[in-house]
Amino acid sequence: MMQEPVGNIPNASRSGIRQCRFDLIAGFRQTLDAWEQNAEQAIAMSPEHMSLYLLEIHEGTPLAEQVRNRQPYPRP
């Protein structure tokens, strides 16, 4: 879910940041329910702009290897 980024929005507002924009990425190890919840949370914050991107996994990349070998996804 979007707990960490959402939790930082009040801090941004107190710092003087007035515009809220979201880039949402869907399509990797995420259930439809989880995706819908993330989208609903973002919409509820009334951003000035929201973009949706579908994750593309390209052959020959480390991510493609991880997916092929069913390796755990490294969290940031």
N, C-alpha and C. Protein backbone atom coordinates (compact mmCIF):
# COMPACT_ATOMS: atom_id res chain seq x y z
N MET A 1 0.82 -1.18 0.00
CA MET A 1 0.00 0.00 0.00
C MET A 1 0.87 1.25 0.00
N MET A 2 0.23 2.39 0.05
CA MET A 2 0.96 3.64 -0.05
C MET A 2 1.22 4.26 1.32
N GLN A 3 1.43 3.49 2.35
CA GLN A 3 1.54 4.04 3.69
C GLN A 3 2.67 5.05 3.83
N GLU A 4 3.86 4.71 3.41
CA GLU A 4 4.99 5.62 3.60
C GLU A 4 4.82 6.91 2.81
N PRO A 5 4.55 6.85 1.50
CA PRO A 5 4.38 8.11 0.77
C PRO A 5 3.22 8.94 1.29
N VAL A 6 2.09 8.31 1.62
CA VAL A 6 0.93 9.04 2.11
C VAL A 6 1.26 9.72 3.43
N GLY A 7 2.00 9.05 4.28
CA GLY A 7 2.36 9.63 5.57
C GLY A 7 3.23 10.86 5.45
N ASN A 8 3.89 11.05 4.33
CA ASN A 8 4.76 12.20 4.13
C ASN A 8 4.04 13.42 3.56
N ILE A 9 2.83 13.27 3.11
CA ILE A 9 2.11 14.38 2.49
C ILE A 9 1.87 15.53 3.48
N PRO A 10 1.42 15.25 4.73
CA PRO A 10 1.27 16.39 5.67
C PRO A 10 2.59 17.12 5.91
N ASN A 11 3.70 16.41 5.95
CA ASN A 11 5.00 17.07 6.12
C ASN A 11 5.29 17.99 4.94
N ALA A 12 4.97 17.55 3.76
CA ALA A 12 5.19 18.37 2.57
C ALA A 12 4.33 19.63 2.63
N SER A 13 3.09 19.48 3.05
CA SER A 13 2.20 20.65 3.16
C SER A 13 2.74 21.67 4.16
N ARG A 14 3.22 21.20 5.30
CA ARG A 14 3.77 22.11 6.31
C ARG A 14 5.03 22.79 5.81
N SER A 15 5.70 22.18 4.86
CA SER A 15 6.93 22.76 4.31
C SER A 15 6.65 23.76 3.20
N GLY A 16 5.39 23.94 2.86
CA GLY A 16 5.04 24.93 1.86
C GLY A 16 4.76 24.36 0.48
N ILE A 17 4.82 23.07 0.32
CA ILE A 17 4.51 22.45 -0.97
C ILE A 17 2.99 22.43 -1.11
N ARG A 18 2.48 23.03 -2.16
CA ARG A 18 1.03 23.18 -2.30
C ARG A 18 0.43 22.29 -3.38
N GLN A 19 1.22 21.75 -4.25
CA GLN A 19 0.67 20.92 -5.32
C GLN A 19 0.98 19.45 -5.05
N CYS A 20 0.02 18.62 -5.35
CA CYS A 20 0.17 17.19 -5.14
C CYS A 20 -0.07 16.48 -6.48
N ARG A 21 0.91 15.71 -6.90
CA ARG A 21 0.81 14.95 -8.15
C ARG A 21 1.26 13.53 -7.86
N PHE A 22 0.64 12.57 -8.53
CA PHE A 22 0.99 11.17 -8.33
C PHE A 22 1.32 10.49 -9.64
N ASP A 23 2.34 9.67 -9.61
CA ASP A 23 2.64 8.73 -10.68
C ASP A 23 2.45 7.35 -10.08
N LEU A 24 1.44 6.64 -10.53
CA LEU A 24 1.15 5.31 -10.01
C LEU A 24 1.62 4.26 -11.03
N ILE A 25 2.26 3.23 -10.54
CA ILE A 25 2.76 2.15 -11.39
C ILE A 25 2.05 0.87 -10.99
N ALA A 26 1.44 0.20 -11.95
CA ALA A 26 0.70 -1.03 -11.69
C ALA A 26 1.30 -2.18 -12.49
N GLY A 27 1.12 -3.37 -11.94
CA GLY A 27 1.43 -4.53 -12.75
C GLY A 27 2.47 -5.47 -12.26
N PHE A 28 2.98 -5.32 -11.05
CA PHE A 28 4.02 -6.24 -10.60
C PHE A 28 3.72 -6.72 -9.19
N ARG A 29 3.42 -7.99 -9.07
CA ARG A 29 3.17 -8.63 -7.77
C ARG A 29 2.21 -7.82 -6.91
N GLN A 30 1.12 -7.45 -7.51
CA GLN A 30 0.13 -6.63 -6.81
C GLN A 30 -1.25 -7.19 -7.16
N THR A 31 -2.08 -7.39 -6.15
CA THR A 31 -3.43 -7.87 -6.42
C THR A 31 -4.29 -6.72 -6.94
N LEU A 32 -5.38 -7.09 -7.58
CA LEU A 32 -6.30 -6.08 -8.07
C LEU A 32 -6.87 -5.28 -6.90
N ASP A 33 -7.18 -5.95 -5.80
CA ASP A 33 -7.69 -5.24 -4.62
C ASP A 33 -6.70 -4.22 -4.10
N ALA A 34 -5.42 -4.60 -4.02
CA ALA A 34 -4.39 -3.68 -3.54
C ALA A 34 -4.26 -2.49 -4.48
N TRP A 35 -4.29 -2.76 -5.78
CA TRP A 35 -4.19 -1.68 -6.76
C TRP A 35 -5.36 -0.72 -6.61
N GLU A 36 -6.57 -1.25 -6.48
CA GLU A 36 -7.75 -0.40 -6.33
C GLU A 36 -7.66 0.46 -5.06
N GLN A 37 -7.16 -0.13 -3.99
CA GLN A 37 -7.02 0.62 -2.75
C GLN A 37 -6.01 1.76 -2.91
N ASN A 38 -4.89 1.48 -3.57
CA ASN A 38 -3.90 2.54 -3.82
C ASN A 38 -4.49 3.66 -4.67
N ALA A 39 -5.21 3.30 -5.71
CA ALA A 39 -5.81 4.31 -6.59
C ALA A 39 -6.84 5.14 -5.83
N GLU A 40 -7.66 4.48 -5.02
CA GLU A 40 -8.67 5.19 -4.24
C GLU A 40 -8.03 6.16 -3.24
N GLN A 41 -6.94 5.73 -2.61
CA GLN A 41 -6.24 6.62 -1.67
C GLN A 41 -5.70 7.85 -2.39
N ALA A 42 -5.12 7.64 -3.56
CA ALA A 42 -4.57 8.76 -4.32
C ALA A 42 -5.68 9.72 -4.76
N ILE A 43 -6.78 9.19 -5.26
CA ILE A 43 -7.89 10.03 -5.72
C ILE A 43 -8.48 10.82 -4.56
N ALA A 44 -8.55 10.19 -3.38
CA ALA A 44 -9.12 10.86 -2.20
C ALA A 44 -8.32 12.09 -1.79
N MET A 45 -7.06 12.17 -2.17
CA MET A 45 -6.23 13.33 -1.83
C MET A 45 -6.36 14.45 -2.84
N SER A 46 -7.22 14.29 -3.82
CA SER A 46 -7.50 15.32 -4.83
C SER A 46 -6.23 15.91 -5.44
N PRO A 47 -5.39 15.08 -6.04
CA PRO A 47 -4.17 15.63 -6.64
C PRO A 47 -4.50 16.50 -7.86
N GLU A 48 -3.60 17.43 -8.13
CA GLU A 48 -3.76 18.26 -9.32
C GLU A 48 -3.57 17.43 -10.59
N HIS A 49 -2.78 16.38 -10.47
CA HIS A 49 -2.50 15.53 -11.62
C HIS A 49 -2.17 14.13 -11.13
N MET A 50 -2.61 13.13 -11.88
CA MET A 50 -2.28 11.75 -11.55
C MET A 50 -2.04 11.00 -12.85
N SER A 51 -0.92 10.30 -12.92
CA SER A 51 -0.59 9.49 -14.09
C SER A 51 -0.55 8.02 -13.69
N LEU A 52 -0.95 7.18 -14.59
CA LEU A 52 -0.91 5.73 -14.38
C LEU A 52 -0.01 5.12 -15.42
N TYR A 53 0.92 4.31 -14.95
CA TYR A 53 1.83 3.61 -15.85
C TYR A 53 1.71 2.12 -15.58
N LEU A 54 1.75 1.33 -16.62
CA LEU A 54 1.80 -0.12 -16.47
C LEU A 54 3.25 -0.54 -16.57
N LEU A 55 3.70 -1.28 -15.60
CA LEU A 55 5.08 -1.72 -15.56
C LEU A 55 5.36 -2.66 -16.72
N GLU A 56 6.42 -2.39 -17.43
CA GLU A 56 6.88 -3.27 -18.51
C GLU A 56 8.16 -3.95 -18.05
N ILE A 57 8.19 -5.26 -18.19
CA ILE A 57 9.38 -6.01 -17.82
C ILE A 57 10.07 -6.40 -19.13
N HIS A 58 11.25 -5.84 -19.34
CA HIS A 58 11.96 -6.05 -20.61
C HIS A 58 12.96 -7.20 -20.49
N GLU A 59 12.95 -8.03 -21.51
CA GLU A 59 13.87 -9.17 -21.59
C GLU A 59 15.32 -8.68 -21.46
N GLY A 60 16.11 -9.45 -20.72
CA GLY A 60 17.52 -9.13 -20.58
C GLY A 60 17.83 -8.20 -19.42
N THR A 61 16.81 -7.78 -18.67
CA THR A 61 17.05 -6.90 -17.53
C THR A 61 17.11 -7.73 -16.24
N PRO A 62 17.73 -7.18 -15.20
CA PRO A 62 17.75 -7.90 -13.93
C PRO A 62 16.34 -8.22 -13.40
N LEU A 63 15.40 -7.32 -13.61
CA LEU A 63 14.04 -7.57 -13.15
C LEU A 63 13.42 -8.75 -13.89
N ALA A 64 13.66 -8.85 -15.19
CA ALA A 64 13.14 -9.98 -15.96
C ALA A 64 13.71 -11.30 -15.43
N GLU A 65 14.97 -11.31 -15.07
CA GLU A 65 15.59 -12.51 -14.49
C GLU A 65 14.95 -12.86 -13.15
N GLN A 66 14.72 -11.87 -12.32
CA GLN A 66 14.09 -12.12 -11.03
C GLN A 66 12.70 -12.71 -11.19
N VAL A 67 11.95 -12.17 -12.11
CA VAL A 67 10.59 -12.66 -12.34
C VAL A 67 10.65 -14.09 -12.89
N ARG A 68 11.51 -14.32 -13.85
CA ARG A 68 11.63 -15.65 -14.46
C ARG A 68 12.01 -16.69 -13.41
N ASN A 69 12.91 -16.33 -12.51
CA ASN A 69 13.39 -17.28 -11.49
C ASN A 69 12.58 -17.23 -10.20
N ARG A 70 11.51 -16.45 -10.22
CA ARG A 70 10.63 -16.30 -9.04
C ARG A 70 11.40 -15.90 -7.79
N GLN A 71 12.36 -15.01 -7.98
CA GLN A 71 13.14 -14.50 -6.87
C GLN A 71 12.35 -13.42 -6.13
N PRO A 72 12.59 -13.27 -4.84
CA PRO A 72 11.90 -12.21 -4.11
C PRO A 72 12.23 -10.84 -4.67
N TYR A 73 11.26 -9.98 -4.64
CA TYR A 73 11.44 -8.61 -5.12
C TYR A 73 12.16 -7.80 -4.05
N PRO A 74 13.28 -7.19 -4.37
CA PRO A 74 13.98 -6.38 -3.37
C PRO A 74 13.21 -5.09 -3.10
N ARG A 75 12.95 -4.84 -1.85
CA ARG A 75 12.26 -3.61 -1.44
C ARG A 75 13.27 -2.50 -1.25
N PRO A 76 12.89 -1.26 -1.64
CA PRO A 76 13.82 -0.13 -1.45
C PRO A 76 14.07 0.15 0.02
